[in-house]
Protein backbone atom coordinates (compact mmCIF):
# COMPACT_ATOMS: atom_id res chain seq x y z
CA MET A 1 -16.90 16.49 2.66
CA GLN A 2 -18.03 19.84 1.28
CA ARG A 3 -15.07 21.53 2.97
CA ILE A 4 -12.48 19.22 1.39
CA THR A 5 -10.75 20.23 -1.81
CA VAL A 6 -8.20 18.29 -3.83
CA SER A 7 -5.95 20.11 -6.24
CA GLU A 8 -2.84 19.49 -8.25
CA ASP A 9 0.35 21.43 -7.55
CA PRO A 10 2.24 21.58 -10.88
CA GLU A 11 5.52 21.98 -8.98
CA LEU A 12 4.97 18.66 -7.20
CA THR A 13 3.72 16.94 -10.37
CA ALA A 14 6.88 17.99 -12.20
CA LYS A 15 8.95 15.99 -9.69
CA PHE A 16 7.18 12.74 -10.61
CA PRO A 17 8.33 9.93 -10.93
CA THR A 18 11.49 10.77 -8.99
CA THR A 19 9.33 11.66 -6.03
CA MET A 20 5.64 11.08 -5.40
CA THR A 21 5.07 14.09 -3.23
CA SER A 22 1.76 14.74 -1.57
CA ARG A 23 0.88 17.63 0.67
CA ILE A 24 -1.93 18.00 3.18
CA ASP A 25 -2.97 21.47 4.27
CA VAL A 26 -5.44 21.57 7.17
CA ARG A 27 -7.09 24.66 8.57
CA THR A 28 -8.74 24.14 11.93
CA ARG A 29 -11.86 25.90 13.14
CA SER A 30 -9.66 28.04 15.35
CA GLY A 31 -7.75 29.22 12.27
CA GLU A 32 -4.58 27.19 12.87
CA ARG A 33 -2.96 25.95 9.68
CA ILE A 34 -1.15 22.59 9.67
CA ILE A 35 0.79 21.50 6.59
CA ASP A 36 2.52 18.16 6.12
CA GLU A 37 4.27 16.83 3.05
CA ALA A 38 5.73 13.46 2.10
CA SER A 39 7.80 12.72 -0.98
CA TYR A 40 8.19 8.98 -0.59
CA PRO A 41 5.04 7.10 0.47
CA LYS A 42 5.42 3.81 2.28
CA GLY A 43 6.34 1.20 -0.31
CA HIS A 44 8.32 3.61 -2.51
CA LEU A 45 11.87 2.53 -3.37
CA GLN A 46 13.16 5.31 -1.09
CA ASN A 47 10.80 4.24 1.74
CA PRO A 48 10.45 0.47 1.42
CA MET A 49 8.09 -1.67 3.43
CA SER A 50 9.52 -4.32 5.72
CA ASP A 51 8.63 -7.97 5.14
CA GLN A 52 6.36 -7.74 8.19
CA GLU A 53 4.54 -4.72 6.70
CA VAL A 54 4.15 -6.48 3.34
CA ALA A 55 2.74 -9.56 5.08
CA ALA A 56 0.33 -7.48 7.16
CA LYS A 57 -0.88 -5.61 4.06
CA PHE A 58 -1.35 -8.89 2.17
CA MET A 59 -3.28 -10.44 5.05
CA GLN A 60 -5.50 -7.37 5.42
CA ALA A 61 -6.34 -7.47 1.72
CA CYS A 62 -6.75 -11.23 1.31
CA THR A 63 -8.21 -12.52 4.57
CA PRO A 64 -11.74 -11.18 3.96
CA ARG A 65 -11.88 -13.10 0.66
CA LEU A 66 -9.81 -16.21 1.44
CA GLY A 67 -10.15 -16.59 5.19
CA GLU A 68 -7.26 -16.61 7.65
CA THR A 69 -5.99 -20.14 6.91
CA ARG A 70 -6.01 -19.87 3.12
CA ALA A 71 -4.51 -16.39 3.21
CA GLN A 72 -1.66 -17.60 5.44
CA HIS A 73 -1.09 -20.55 3.08
CA ALA A 74 -1.02 -18.28 0.02
CA LEU A 75 1.38 -15.91 1.76
CA ALA A 76 3.70 -18.79 2.69
CA LEU A 77 3.73 -19.92 -0.95
CA LEU A 78 4.52 -16.41 -2.13
CA TRP A 79 7.41 -16.03 0.31
CA ASP A 80 8.80 -19.33 -1.01
CA LEU A 81 7.97 -18.75 -4.67
CA GLU A 82 11.53 -19.29 -5.93
CA ASN A 83 11.45 -22.85 -4.55
CA GLN A 84 8.13 -23.82 -6.13
CA VAL A 85 8.25 -26.32 -9.01
CA GLY A 86 5.31 -24.65 -10.73
CA LEU A 87 2.54 -22.18 -10.06
CA ASP A 88 -0.37 -24.63 -9.71
CA GLY A 89 -0.19 -24.61 -5.90
CA LEU A 90 -0.19 -20.81 -5.81
CA PHE A 91 -3.11 -20.56 -8.23
CA SER A 92 -5.02 -23.13 -6.18
CA ALA A 93 -4.42 -21.13 -3.02
CA PHE A 94 -6.27 -18.17 -4.57
CA ALA A 95 -8.99 -20.17 -6.35
CA GLN A 96 -12.54 -20.30 -5.01
CA ALA A 97 -13.21 -23.29 -2.79
């Protein structure tokens, strides 16, 4: 951790919010320098997540708290939100048992 530095590049900051550029600059022990840059992180309007990726992210975040069954139920309700009569079922899906 002592060898890691984080710094702002004003040139990249000036591009926000049009782009959300981040750059990683790695220097190996052998002296090789590897630089990679991304302007549109996954989930950005210009790099959207697929439904499958959204579902996987939701399950990863919610399963530890809700359990697999309740998380799947909550996700199903969210995918069908426009057809729900109210939000009581959704709130119940997230409430403590």
